[in-house]
Amino acid sequence: MAHDIRIAGTDLHFACEPGENILDAALKAGIEMPYSCRKGVCGNCAGGVVAGEVVSPPSEAKPAGKHLYCQCLPLSNVELAPAAWHRIDPSARKIFTVKVFRNTLASEDVSVLQLRLPTGTRAKFKAGQYLQVTLPDGSRRSYSMANPPHESDSLQLHIRHVPGGQFTQIVPRLAVGDTLQVELPFGNFKLREDSTAAMLCVVGGTGFAPVKSLLDDIAKKRVHRPVTLLWGGRDRRGLYLLSAVERWQKLLPGFTFLPVIEDAGDAEALGAFHGRLDDAIRAHCADLTGTEAYCCGAPAMVGAVRKAAQERGLDAQLFFSDVFVPGPAADL
């Protein structure tokens, strides 16, 4: 029997079928709440349950007194107190068969895959969102679009080669004209367009991809906001697309870039901060009061950056993240 899920303080409610988690049920009903990994790792979907009973597995990402909606199964009718919510059109998500028109190595372990949509077709998405690639066995992998929304006849993916990765083993063999099936858009990581606040963008490795989409979109729209970008890598090869950064330095007034490198020799050669991204924030960001932070990368890095930014005065509600978790995408 389906349970009725209500959002506290509103007349809004939706059905959650047996075995279905609350986040998936909300998205299916056209109600979007904050989320990212959908695997119980990032903690972005954490919210309150003010009435009713739910069950969910333990997770280090779950704040005290909150529940991860992507893991919650209702045991009764439930009333929620999410951090935020808004209506979406579930039919806006589309499946496309796309063709490879360019496949290049940006570094030894990162491919930039350019995909072309069918002639006359456009993909609607917001900067920072991601797509899912369907593999031959039916499983899916999630990748952020690195291109901005106005480049809507194509899709650009930045794919790190993960040892043993099911899709990353295929990527080097993809040739011009090969086809893939993708579905988009997914994700709640996107620019707060009504804001004029300063932006702190903190990315590790291919976490650069969604922030590239954001900053290319800002440049296209001529948005004037102070932007600081911290891009971290183990060595200089991790900063695989510095040409994009050079372009923003020309196009975005108030843009500041700080490379962050763990290898001492490469850090010195690039004039980069030597160390970790969270330490770079502590060293270079004296006061983040009123700033919006956009952070993308591995779970541990995102957690460390969140902590450091809040130590420097960042409002927890202004920390927006996209957490990269390897393996199959969660079903919807």
C-alpha atoms as a PDB file:
ATOM      1  CA  MET A   1       0.000   0.000   0.000  1.00  0.00           C
ATOM      2  CA  ALA A   2       1.315   3.445  -0.916  1.00  0.00           C
ATOM      3  CA  HIS A   3       1.916   5.954   1.872  1.00  0.00           C
ATOM      4  CA  ASP A   4       0.967   9.631   1.712  1.00  0.00           C
ATOM      5  CA  ILE A   5       3.935  12.018   2.054  1.00  0.00           C
ATOM      6  CA  ARG A   6       3.186  15.621   2.983  1.00  0.00           C
ATOM      7  CA  ILE A   7       5.427  18.691   3.154  1.00  0.00           C
ATOM      8  CA  ALA A   8       4.940  20.542   6.421  1.00  0.00           C
ATOM      9  CA  GLY A   9       3.291  23.951   6.204  1.00  0.00           C
ATOM     10  CA  THR A  10       1.864  23.331   2.730  1.00  0.00           C
ATOM     11  CA  ASP A  11      -1.031  21.521   1.076  1.00  0.00           C
ATOM     12  CA  LEU A  12       1.458  19.566  -1.028  1.00  0.00           C
ATOM     13  CA  HIS A  13       1.477  15.788  -0.834  1.00  0.00           C
ATOM     14  CA  PHE A  14       2.455  12.807  -2.986  1.00  0.00           C
ATOM     15  CA  ALA A  15       2.308   9.024  -2.915  1.00  0.00           C
ATOM     16  CA  CYS A  16       5.281   6.803  -2.069  1.00  0.00           C
ATOM     17  CA  GLU A  17       4.930   3.224  -3.285  1.00  0.00           C
ATOM     18  CA  PRO A  18       6.156   0.186  -1.301  1.00  0.00           C
ATOM     19  CA  GLY A  19       9.925  -0.163  -1.581  1.00  0.00           C
ATOM     20  CA  GLU A  20      10.305   3.368  -3.007  1.00  0.00           C
ATOM     21  CA  ASN A  21      12.417   5.963  -1.228  1.00  0.00           C
ATOM     22  CA  ILE A  22      10.973   9.375  -0.434  1.00  0.00           C
ATOM     23  CA  LEU A  23      13.276  11.340  -2.759  1.00  0.00           C
ATOM     24  CA  ASP A  24      12.465   9.196  -5.784  1.00  0.00           C
ATOM     25  CA  ALA A  25       8.749   9.431  -5.039  1.00  0.00           C
ATOM     26  CA  ALA A  26       8.981  13.222  -4.791  1.00  0.00           C
ATOM     27  CA  LEU A  27      10.886  13.548  -8.076  1.00  0.00           C
ATOM     28  CA  LYS A  28       8.394  11.263  -9.829  1.00  0.00           C
ATOM     29  CA  ALA A  29       5.595  13.526  -8.571  1.00  0.00           C
ATOM     30  CA  GLY A  30       7.342  16.653  -9.903  1.00  0.00           C
ATOM     31  CA  ILE A  31       8.656  17.875  -6.550  1.00  0.00           C
ATOM     32  CA  GLU A  32      12.394  18.512  -6.341  1.00  0.00           C
ATOM     33  CA  MET A  33      14.249  18.752  -3.058  1.00  0.00           C
ATOM     34  CA  PRO A  34      18.027  19.177  -2.664  1.00  0.00           C
ATOM     35  CA  TYR A  35      19.968  16.064  -3.715  1.00  0.00           C
ATOM     36  CA  SER A  36      23.126  14.957  -5.491  1.00  0.00           C
ATOM     37  CA  CYS A  37      24.516  11.417  -5.249  1.00  0.00           C
ATOM     38  CA  ARG A  38      21.248   9.575  -4.425  1.00  0.00           C
ATOM     39  CA  LYS A  39      23.370   6.893  -2.712  1.00  0.00           C
ATOM     40  CA  GLY A  40      23.361   8.106   0.892  1.00  0.00           C
ATOM     41  CA  VAL A  41      26.899   9.478   0.673  1.00  0.00           C
ATOM     42  CA  CYS A  42      26.753  13.233   0.140  1.00  0.00           C
ATOM     43  CA  GLY A  43      24.111  14.255   2.684  1.00  0.00           C
ATOM     44  CA  ASN A  44      22.590  16.896   0.382  1.00  0.00           C
ATOM     45  CA  CYS A  45      19.082  15.442   0.655  1.00  0.00           C
ATOM     46  CA  ALA A  46      19.016  15.542   4.470  1.00  0.00           C
ATOM     47  CA  GLY A  47      15.806  16.898   5.934  1.00  0.00           C
ATOM     48  CA  GLY A  48      13.405  16.551   8.803  1.00  0.00           C
ATOM     49  CA  VAL A  49      10.622  14.051   9.438  1.00  0.00           C
ATOM     50  CA  VAL A  50       8.133  15.782  11.737  1.00  0.00           C
ATOM     51  CA  ALA A  51       5.438  13.103  11.773  1.00  0.00           C
ATOM     52  CA  GLY A  52       5.200   9.443  10.869  1.00  0.00           C
ATOM     53  CA  GLU A  53       7.762   6.655  10.766  1.00  0.00           C
ATOM     54  CA  VAL A  54      10.594   5.971   8.327  1.00  0.00           C
ATOM     55  CA  VAL A  55      13.420   3.476   8.133  1.00  0.00           C
ATOM     56  CA  SER A  56      16.836   4.057   6.562  1.00  0.00           C
ATOM     57  CA  PRO A  57      20.297   2.508   6.802  1.00  0.00           C
ATOM     58  CA  PRO A  58      22.958   4.236   8.938  1.00  0.00           C
ATOM     59  CA  SER A  59      25.120   6.803   7.156  1.00  0.00           C
ATOM     60  CA  GLU A  60      27.948   9.087   8.246  1.00  0.00           C
ATOM     61  CA  ALA A  61      26.431  11.747   5.973  1.00  0.00           C
ATOM     62  CA  LYS A  62      23.215  11.936   8.014  1.00  0.00           C
ATOM     63  CA  PRO A  63      23.163  14.994  10.311  1.00  0.00           C
ATOM     64  CA  ALA A  64      21.808  14.571  13.824  1.00  0.00           C
ATOM     65  CA  GLY A  65      18.030  14.766  13.880  1.00  0.00           C
ATOM     66  CA  LYS A  66      17.757  14.569  10.079  1.00  0.00           C
ATOM     67  CA  HIS A  67      17.083  11.824   7.552  1.00  0.00           C
ATOM     68  CA  LEU A  68      18.505  11.211   4.083  1.00  0.00           C
ATOM     69  CA  TYR A  69      15.432  11.223   1.852  1.00  0.00           C
ATOM     70  CA  CYS A  70      17.253   9.198  -0.827  1.00  0.00           C
ATOM     71  CA  GLN A  71      17.468   6.333   1.668  1.00  0.00           C
ATOM     72  CA  CYS A  72      14.209   6.769   3.604  1.00  0.00           C
ATOM     73  CA  LEU A  73      11.431   4.223   3.216  1.00  0.00           C
ATOM     74  CA  PRO A  74       8.167   5.277   4.889  1.00  0.00           C
ATOM     75  CA  LEU A  75       6.500   2.867   7.312  1.00  0.00           C
ATOM     76  CA  SER A  76       3.389   5.066   7.582  1.00  0.00           C
ATOM     77  CA  ASN A  77       2.054   8.324   6.233  1.00  0.00           C
ATOM     78  CA  VAL A  78       4.798  10.915   6.754  1.00  0.00           C
ATOM     79  CA  GLU A  79       5.162  14.680   7.096  1.00  0.00           C
ATOM     80  CA  LEU A  80       8.467  16.151   5.920  1.00  0.00           C
ATOM     81  CA  ALA A  81      10.389  19.350   6.636  1.00  0.00           C
ATOM     82  CA  PRO A  82      12.869  19.531   3.714  1.00  0.00           C
ATOM     83  CA  ALA A  83      15.586  22.187   3.537  1.00  0.00           C
ATOM     84  CA  ALA A  84      13.951  23.439   0.315  1.00  0.00           C
ATOM     85  CA  TRP A  85      11.619  22.271  -2.422  1.00  0.00           C
ATOM     86  CA  HIS A  86      10.122  23.434  -5.692  1.00  0.00           C
ATOM     87  CA  ARG A  87       7.988  22.033  -8.490  1.00  0.00           C
ATOM     88  CA  ILE A  88       9.550  20.573 -11.632  1.00  0.00           C
ATOM     89  CA  ASP A  89       8.174  19.055 -14.812  1.00  0.00           C
ATOM     90  CA  PRO A  90       9.055  15.327 -14.773  1.00  0.00           C
ATOM     91  CA  SER A  91       8.411  15.151 -18.524  1.00  0.00           C
ATOM     92  CA  ALA A  92      11.288  17.612 -19.138  1.00  0.00           C
ATOM     93  CA  ARG A  93      13.747  14.743 -18.692  1.00  0.00           C
ATOM     94  CA  LYS A  94      14.480  13.190 -22.079  1.00  0.00           C
ATOM     95  CA  ILE A  95      16.327  10.182 -23.507  1.00  0.00           C
ATOM     96  CA  PHE A  96      18.582  10.823 -26.515  1.00  0.00           C
ATOM     97  CA  THR A  97      20.728   8.700 -28.787  1.00  0.00           C
ATOM     98  CA  VAL A  98      23.861  10.775 -29.259  1.00  0.00           C
ATOM     99  CA  LYS A  99      26.895  10.398 -31.510  1.00  0.00           C
ATOM    100  CA  VAL A 100      30.537  10.817 -30.599  1.00  0.00           C
ATOM    101  CA  PHE A 101      32.039  13.617 -32.681  1.00  0.00           C
ATOM    102  CA  ARG A 102      35.262  14.128 -30.708  1.00  0.00           C
ATOM    103  CA  ASN A 103      37.128  12.075 -28.094  1.00  0.00           C
ATOM    104  CA  THR A 104      40.364  13.580 -26.818  1.00  0.00           C
ATOM    105  CA  LEU A 105      42.752  13.019 -23.927  1.00  0.00           C
ATOM    106  CA  ALA A 106      42.981  16.164 -21.808  1.00  0.00           C
ATOM    107  CA  SER A 107      45.555  14.435 -19.589  1.00  0.00           C
ATOM    108  CA  GLU A 108      46.875  10.929 -19.094  1.00  0.00           C
ATOM    109  CA  ASP A 109      43.754   9.863 -17.201  1.00  0.00           C
ATOM    110  CA  VAL A 110      40.994  12.271 -18.305  1.00  0.00           C
ATOM    111  CA  SER A 111      39.030  12.073 -21.564  1.00  0.00           C
ATOM    112  CA  VAL A 112      36.966  14.957 -22.886  1.00  0.00           C
ATOM    113  CA  LEU A 113      34.080  13.339 -24.733  1.00  0.00           C
ATOM    114  CA  GLN A 114      32.082  15.515 -27.127  1.00  0.00           C
ATOM    115  CA  LEU A 115      28.644  14.182 -28.054  1.00  0.00           C
ATOM    116  CA  ARG A 116      26.284  15.474 -30.733  1.00  0.00           C
ATOM    117  CA  LEU A 117      22.493  15.280 -30.431  1.00  0.00           C
ATOM    118  CA  PRO A 118      20.355  14.250 -33.424  1.00  0.00           C
ATOM    119  CA  THR A 119      19.962  16.987 -36.047  1.00  0.00           C
ATOM    120  CA  GLY A 120      17.375  19.565 -35.020  1.00  0.00           C
ATOM    121  CA  THR A 121      17.286  18.333 -31.408  1.00  0.00           C
ATOM    122  CA  ARG A 122      18.140  20.440 -28.375  1.00  0.00           C
ATOM    123  CA  ALA A 123      18.730  19.320 -24.796  1.00  0.00           C
ATOM    124  CA  LYS A 124      17.271  21.482 -22.030  1.00  0.00           C
ATOM    125  CA  PHE A 125      19.265  21.607 -18.820  1.00  0.00           C
ATOM    126  CA  LYS A 126      20.650  24.079 -16.314  1.00  0.00           C
ATOM    127  CA  ALA A 127      24.333  24.731 -15.857  1.00  0.00           C
ATOM    128  CA  GLY A 128      25.731  22.307 -13.281  1.00  0.00           C
ATOM    129  CA  GLN A 129      23.300  19.439 -13.909  1.00  0.00           C
ATOM    130  CA  TYR A 130      24.268  15.931 -14.993  1.00  0.00           C
ATOM    131  CA  LEU A 131      23.189  13.153 -17.335  1.00  0.00           C
ATOM    132  CA  GLN A 132      23.133   9.366 -17.140  1.00  0.00           C
ATOM    133  CA  VAL A 133      24.763   7.138 -19.751  1.00  0.00           C
ATOM    134  CA  THR A 134      23.126   3.744 -20.277  1.00  0.00           C
ATOM    135  CA  LEU A 135      25.655   0.911 -20.654  1.00  0.00           C
ATOM    136  CA  PRO A 136      25.149  -2.260 -22.741  1.00  0.00           C
ATOM    137  CA  ASP A 137      24.105  -4.257 -19.644  1.00  0.00           C
ATOM    138  CA  GLY A 138      21.411  -1.669 -18.793  1.00  0.00           C
ATOM    139  CA  SER A 139      23.280  -0.119 -15.866  1.00  0.00           C
ATOM    140  CA  ARG A 140      23.932   3.618 -15.794  1.00  0.00           C
ATOM    141  CA  ARG A 141      26.741   6.012 -14.967  1.00  0.00           C
ATOM    142  CA  SER A 142      26.326   9.681 -14.079  1.00  0.00           C
ATOM    143  CA  TYR A 143      28.450  12.490 -15.570  1.00  0.00           C
ATOM    144  CA  SER A 144      28.076  16.246 -15.311  1.00  0.00           C
ATOM    145  CA  MET A 145      27.646  18.273 -18.477  1.00  0.00           C
ATOM    146  CA  ALA A 146      30.704  20.525 -18.822  1.00  0.00           C
ATOM    147  CA  ASN A 147      29.184  22.659 -21.582  1.00  0.00           C
ATOM    148  CA  PRO A 148      26.803  25.546 -20.831  1.00  0.00           C
ATOM    149  CA  PRO A 149      23.080  25.299 -21.643  1.00  0.00           C
ATOM    150  CA  HIS A 150      23.268  27.558 -24.718  1.00  0.00           C
ATOM    151  CA  GLU A 151      25.402  24.874 -26.412  1.00  0.00           C
ATOM    152  CA  SER A 152      22.297  22.732 -26.460  1.00  0.00           C
ATOM    153  CA  ASP A 153      22.940  20.677 -29.592  1.00  0.00           C
ATOM    154  CA  SER A 154      25.936  18.970 -27.992  1.00  0.00           C
ATOM    155  CA  LEU A 155      27.129  17.581 -24.675  1.00  0.00           C
ATOM    156  CA  GLN A 156      30.633  17.625 -23.224  1.00  0.00           C
ATOM    157  CA  LEU A 157      31.708  15.112 -20.559  1.00  0.00           C
ATOM    158  CA  HIS A 158      34.969  14.989 -18.595  1.00  0.00           C
ATOM    159  CA  ILE A 159      35.635  11.351 -17.738  1.00  0.00           C
ATOM    160  CA  ARG A 160      38.390  10.208 -15.411  1.00  0.00           C
ATOM    161  CA  HIS A 161      39.762   6.758 -16.214  1.00  0.00           C
ATOM    162  CA  VAL A 162      39.006   4.650 -13.149  1.00  0.00           C
ATOM    163  CA  PRO A 163      40.848   1.297 -12.980  1.00  0.00           C
ATOM    164  CA  GLY A 164      38.264  -1.417 -13.604  1.00  0.00           C
ATOM    165  CA  GLY A 165      35.536   1.130 -14.326  1.00  0.00           C
ATOM    166  CA  GLN A 166      32.907  -0.389 -16.590  1.00  0.00           C
ATOM    167  CA  PHE A 167      32.325   2.726 -18.687  1.00  0.00           C
ATOM    168  CA  THR A 168      35.798   4.252 -18.418  1.00  0.00           C
ATOM    169  CA  GLN A 169      37.222   1.106 -19.994  1.00  0.00           C
ATOM    170  CA  ILE A 170      34.968   1.741 -23.003  1.00  0.00           C
ATOM    171  CA  VAL A 171      35.674   5.458 -23.376  1.00  0.00           C
ATOM    172  CA  PRO A 172      39.190   5.234 -24.939  1.00  0.00           C
ATOM    173  CA  ARG A 173      37.756   2.988 -27.661  1.00  0.00           C
ATOM    174  CA  LEU A 174      34.872   5.275 -28.600  1.00  0.00           C
ATOM    175  CA  ALA A 175      35.320   6.584 -32.138  1.00  0.00           C
ATOM    176  CA  VAL A 176      33.659   9.335 -34.145  1.00  0.00           C
ATOM    177  CA  GLY A 177      30.174   8.178 -35.122  1.00  0.00           C
ATOM    178  CA  ASP A 178      29.732   5.707 -32.273  1.00  0.00           C
ATOM    179  CA  THR A 179      26.421   6.107 -30.433  1.00  0.00           C
ATOM    180  CA  LEU A 180      25.435   6.237 -26.773  1.00  0.00           C
ATOM    181  CA  GLN A 181      22.088   6.504 -25.020  1.00  0.00           C
ATOM    182  CA  VAL A 182      21.840   9.293 -22.446  1.00  0.00           C
ATOM    183  CA  GLU A 183      19.083  10.723 -20.276  1.00  0.00           C
ATOM    184  CA  LEU A 184      18.993  14.247 -18.836  1.00  0.00           C
ATOM    185  CA  PRO A 185      18.775  16.440 -16.895  1.00  0.00           C
ATOM    186  CA  PHE A 186      19.372  15.274 -13.345  1.00  0.00           C
ATOM    187  CA  GLY A 187      20.634  17.065 -10.264  1.00  0.00           C
ATOM    188  CA  ASN A 188      20.004  20.013  -8.015  1.00  0.00           C
ATOM    189  CA  PHE A 189      23.469  21.568  -8.368  1.00  0.00           C
ATOM    190  CA  LYS A 190      22.838  24.796 -10.232  1.00  0.00           C
ATOM    191  CA  LEU A 191      23.436  28.514  -9.922  1.00  0.00           C
ATOM    192  CA  ARG A 192      21.146  30.609  -7.734  1.00  0.00           C
ATOM    193  CA  GLU A 193      20.376  33.056 -10.531  1.00  0.00           C
ATOM    194  CA  ASP A 194      18.580  35.633  -8.389  1.00  0.00           C
ATOM    195  CA  SER A 195      21.682  36.177  -6.253  1.00  0.00           C
ATOM    196  CA  THR A 196      24.457  38.736  -6.626  1.00  0.00           C
ATOM    197  CA  ALA A 197      26.616  37.236  -3.859  1.00  0.00           C
ATOM    198  CA  ALA A 198      30.285  36.478  -4.332  1.00  0.00           C
ATOM    199  CA  MET A 199      30.948  32.894  -5.454  1.00  0.00           C
ATOM    200  CA  LEU A 200      33.600  30.525  -4.147  1.00  0.00           C
ATOM    201  CA  CYS A 201      33.996  27.541  -6.498  1.00  0.00           C
ATOM    202  CA  VAL A 202      36.040  24.656  -5.098  1.00  0.00           C
ATOM    203  CA  VAL A 203      36.653  21.616  -7.290  1.00  0.00           C
ATOM    204  CA  GLY A 204      38.813  18.533  -7.252  1.00  0.00           C
ATOM    205  CA  GLY A 205      39.840  16.747 -10.467  1.00  0.00           C
ATOM    206  CA  THR A 206      36.912  16.265 -12.862  1.00  0.00           C
ATOM    207  CA  GLY A 207      34.691  18.050 -10.359  1.00  0.00           C
ATOM    208  CA  PHE A 208      35.770  20.895 -12.630  1.00  0.00           C
ATOM    209  CA  ALA A 209      33.148  19.839 -15.219  1.00  0.00           C
ATOM    210  CA  PRO A 210      29.923  21.174 -13.628  1.00  0.00           C
ATOM    211  CA  VAL A 211      31.640  24.370 -12.480  1.00  0.00           C
ATOM    212  CA  LYS A 212      32.913  24.889 -16.040  1.00  0.00           C
ATOM    213  CA  SER A 213      29.279  24.769 -17.145  1.00  0.00           C
ATOM    214  CA  LEU A 214      28.345  27.321 -14.466  1.00  0.00           C
ATOM    215  CA  LEU A 215      31.142  29.753 -15.313  1.00  0.00           C
ATOM    216  CA  ASP A 216      30.692  29.446 -19.082  1.00  0.00           C
ATOM    217  CA  ASP A 217      27.005  30.230 -18.510  1.00  0.00           C
ATOM    218  CA  ILE A 218      27.873  33.281 -16.399  1.00  0.00           C
ATOM    219  CA  ALA A 219      30.284  34.492 -19.079  1.00  0.00           C
ATOM    220  CA  LYS A 220      27.656  34.083 -21.807  1.00  0.00           C
ATOM    221  CA  LYS A 221      25.038  35.981 -19.786  1.00  0.00           C
ATOM    222  CA  ARG A 222      27.554  38.647 -18.714  1.00  0.00           C
ATOM    223  CA  VAL A 223      26.719  38.176 -15.072  1.00  0.00           C
ATOM    224  CA  HIS A 224      28.909  40.369 -12.881  1.00  0.00           C
ATOM    225  CA  ARG A 225      29.649  38.572  -9.637  1.00  0.00           C
ATOM    226  CA  PRO A 226      32.996  38.165  -7.878  1.00  0.00           C
ATOM    227  CA  VAL A 227      34.162  34.583  -8.511  1.00  0.00           C
ATOM    228  CA  THR A 228      37.028  32.749  -6.833  1.00  0.00           C
ATOM    229  CA  LEU A 229      37.966  29.343  -8.242  1.00  0.00           C
ATOM    230  CA  LEU A 230      40.094  26.839  -6.336  1.00  0.00           C
ATOM    231  CA  TRP A 231      40.965  23.797  -8.451  1.00  0.00           C
ATOM    232  CA  GLY A 232      42.847  20.995  -6.757  1.00  0.00           C
ATOM    233  CA  GLY A 233      44.836  18.020  -7.984  1.00  0.00           C
ATOM    234  CA  ARG A 234      47.499  15.602  -6.802  1.00  0.00           C
ATOM    235  CA  ASP A 235      49.862  17.044  -9.440  1.00  0.00           C
ATOM    236  CA  ARG A 236      49.737  19.469 -12.345  1.00  0.00           C
ATOM    237  CA  ARG A 237      48.096  16.857 -14.612  1.00  0.00           C
ATOM    238  CA  GLY A 238      44.983  17.136 -12.450  1.00  0.00           C
ATOM    239  CA  LEU A 239      44.399  20.663 -13.811  1.00  0.00           C
ATOM    240  CA  TYR A 240      43.701  19.346 -17.270  1.00  0.00           C
ATOM    241  CA  LEU A 241      41.896  22.278 -18.940  1.00  0.00           C
ATOM    242  CA  LEU A 242      43.627  25.490 -17.912  1.00  0.00           C
ATOM    243  CA  SER A 243      42.638  27.069 -21.250  1.00  0.00           C
ATOM    244  CA  ALA A 244      39.102  27.450 -19.856  1.00  0.00           C
ATOM    245  CA  VAL A 245      40.473  29.255 -16.799  1.00  0.00           C
ATOM    246  CA  GLU A 246      42.472  31.605 -19.036  1.00  0.00           C
ATOM    247  CA  ARG A 247      39.286  32.434 -20.924  1.00  0.00           C
ATOM    248  CA  TRP A 248      37.413  33.333 -17.710  1.00  0.00           C
ATOM    249  CA  GLN A 249      40.308  35.532 -16.618  1.00  0.00           C
ATOM    250  CA  LYS A 250      39.620  37.590 -19.750  1.00  0.00           C
ATOM    251  CA  LEU A 251      35.805  37.509 -19.695  1.00  0.00           C
ATOM    252  CA  LEU A 252      34.798  37.619 -16.027  1.00  0.00           C
ATOM    253  CA  PRO A 253      35.486  40.829 -14.085  1.00  0.00           C
ATOM    254  CA  GLY A 254      36.471  40.018 -10.530  1.00  0.00           C
ATOM    255  CA  PHE A 255      37.572  36.465 -11.352  1.00  0.00           C
ATOM    256  CA  THR A 256      40.356  34.979  -9.209  1.00  0.00           C
ATOM    257  CA  PHE A 257      42.020  31.604  -9.714  1.00  0.00           C
ATOM    258  CA  LEU A 258      44.067  29.668  -7.185  1.00  0.00           C
ATOM    259  CA  PRO A 259      45.475  26.286  -8.284  1.00  0.00           C
ATOM    260  CA  VAL A 260      45.951  23.862  -5.409  1.00  0.00           C
ATOM    261  CA  ILE A 261      48.500  21.053  -5.882  1.00  0.00           C
ATOM    262  CA  GLU A 262      49.589  18.355  -3.453  1.00  0.00           C
ATOM    263  CA  ASP A 263      52.893  17.640  -5.239  1.00  0.00           C
ATOM    264  CA  ALA A 264      55.472  20.135  -3.940  1.00  0.00           C
ATOM    265  CA  GLY A 265      57.477  20.430  -7.178  1.00  0.00           C
ATOM    266  CA  ASP A 266      54.415  20.961  -9.373  1.00  0.00           C
ATOM    267  CA  ALA A 267      52.948  23.447  -6.892  1.00  0.00           C
ATOM    268  CA  GLU A 268      56.127  25.530  -7.037  1.00  0.00           C
ATOM    269  CA  ALA A 269      56.282  25.357 -10.835  1.00  0.00           C
ATOM    270  CA  LEU A 270      52.681  26.560 -11.212  1.00  0.00           C
ATOM    271  CA  GLY A 271      52.790  29.097  -8.396  1.00  0.00           C
ATOM    272  CA  ALA A 272      50.049  27.047  -6.778  1.00  0.00           C
ATOM    273  CA  PHE A 273      49.084  26.560  -3.163  1.00  0.00           C
ATOM    274  CA  HIS A 274      50.874  23.449  -1.915  1.00  0.00           C
ATOM    275  CA  GLY A 275      48.453  21.217  -0.032  1.00  0.00           C
ATOM    276  CA  ARG A 276      44.772  20.370   0.176  1.00  0.00           C
ATOM    277  CA  LEU A 277      41.756  22.385  -0.857  1.00  0.00           C
ATOM    278  CA  ASP A 278      40.417  22.767   2.672  1.00  0.00           C
ATOM    279  CA  ASP A 279      43.794  24.076   3.855  1.00  0.00           C
ATOM    280  CA  ALA A 280      43.847  26.501   0.919  1.00  0.00           C
ATOM    281  CA  ILE A 281      40.500  27.900   2.088  1.00  0.00           C
ATOM    282  CA  ARG A 282      41.837  28.392   5.599  1.00  0.00           C
ATOM    283  CA  ALA A 283      44.938  30.121   4.231  1.00  0.00           C
ATOM    284  CA  HIS A 284      43.328  32.364   1.589  1.00  0.00           C
ATOM    285  CA  CYS A 285      39.698  32.964   2.615  1.00  0.00           C
ATOM    286  CA  ALA A 286      39.583  35.198   5.666  1.00  0.00           C
ATOM    287  CA  ASP A 287      35.822  35.800   5.762  1.00  0.00           C
ATOM    288  CA  LEU A 288      33.169  33.944   3.742  1.00  0.00           C
ATOM    289  CA  THR A 289      30.176  35.627   5.343  1.00  0.00           C
ATOM    290  CA  GLY A 290      27.520  36.144   2.667  1.00  0.00           C
ATOM    291  CA  THR A 291      29.447  34.122   0.056  1.00  0.00           C
ATOM    292  CA  GLU A 292      27.911  31.243  -1.914  1.00  0.00           C
ATOM    293  CA  ALA A 293      30.117  28.152  -2.180  1.00  0.00           C
ATOM    294  CA  TYR A 294      29.869  25.673  -5.072  1.00  0.00           C
ATOM    295  CA  CYS A 295      31.902  22.529  -4.416  1.00  0.00           C
ATOM    296  CA  CYS A 296      32.346  19.420  -6.593  1.00  0.00           C
ATOM    297  CA  GLY A 297      34.440  16.315  -6.115  1.00  0.00           C
ATOM    298  CA  ALA A 298      34.894  13.209  -3.992  1.00  0.00           C
ATOM    299  CA  PRO A 299      32.860  12.854  -0.775  1.00  0.00           C
ATOM    300  CA  ALA A 300      35.807  13.261   1.628  1.00  0.00           C
ATOM    301  CA  MET A 301      37.025  16.391  -0.151  1.00  0.00           C
ATOM    302  CA  VAL A 302      33.571  17.969  -0.212  1.00  0.00           C
ATOM    303  CA  GLY A 303      33.138  17.249   3.504  1.00  0.00           C
ATOM    304  CA  ALA A 304      36.527  18.771   4.359  1.00  0.00           C
ATOM    305  CA  VAL A 305      35.833  21.872   2.247  1.00  0.00           C
ATOM    306  CA  ARG A 306      32.408  22.310   3.822  1.00  0.00           C
ATOM    307  CA  LYS A 307      33.992  22.276   7.300  1.00  0.00           C
ATOM    308  CA  ALA A 308      36.753  24.723   6.369  1.00  0.00           C
ATOM    309  CA  ALA A 309      34.336  27.128   4.652  1.00  0.00           C
ATOM    310  CA  GLN A 310      32.011  27.172   7.637  1.00  0.00           C
ATOM    311  CA  GLU A 311      34.989  27.890   9.891  1.00  0.00           C
ATOM    312  CA  ARG A 312      35.486  31.015   7.779  1.00  0.00           C
ATOM    313  CA  GLY A 313      31.907  32.183   8.273  1.00  0.00           C
ATOM    314  CA  LEU A 314      30.071  30.515   5.373  1.00  0.00           C
ATOM    315  CA  ASP A 315      26.338  30.037   6.003  1.00  0.00           C
ATOM    316  CA  ALA A 316      25.603  26.284   5.847  1.00  0.00           C
ATOM    317  CA  GLN A 317      22.572  27.030   3.662  1.00  0.00           C
ATOM    318  CA  LEU A 318      24.839  28.654   1.056  1.00  0.00           C
ATOM    319  CA  PHE A 319      27.034  25.595   0.526  1.00  0.00           C
ATOM    320  CA  PHE A 320      25.989  23.828  -2.672  1.00  0.00           C
ATOM    321  CA  SER A 321      27.712  20.615  -3.667  1.00  0.00           C
ATOM    322  CA  ASP A 322      27.813  17.896  -6.284  1.00  0.00           C
ATOM    323  CA  VAL A 323      29.453  14.785  -4.866  1.00  0.00           C
ATOM    324  CA  PHE A 324      31.097  12.372  -7.307  1.00  0.00           C
ATOM    325  CA  VAL A 325      30.466   8.791  -6.228  1.00  0.00           C
ATOM    326  CA  PRO A 326      31.818   6.003  -8.478  1.00  0.00           C
ATOM    327  CA  GLY A 327      29.740   3.054  -9.629  1.00  0.00           C
ATOM    328  CA  PRO A 328      26.258   2.590 -11.060  1.00  0.00           C
ATOM    329  CA  ALA A 329      23.815   5.472 -10.918  1.00  0.00           C
ATOM    330  CA  ALA A 330      20.851   5.149  -8.602  1.00  0.00           C
ATOM    331  CA  ASP A 331      17.644   4.145 -10.370  1.00  0.00           C
ATOM    332  CA  LEU A 332      14.757   6.573 -10.588  1.00  0.00           C
END
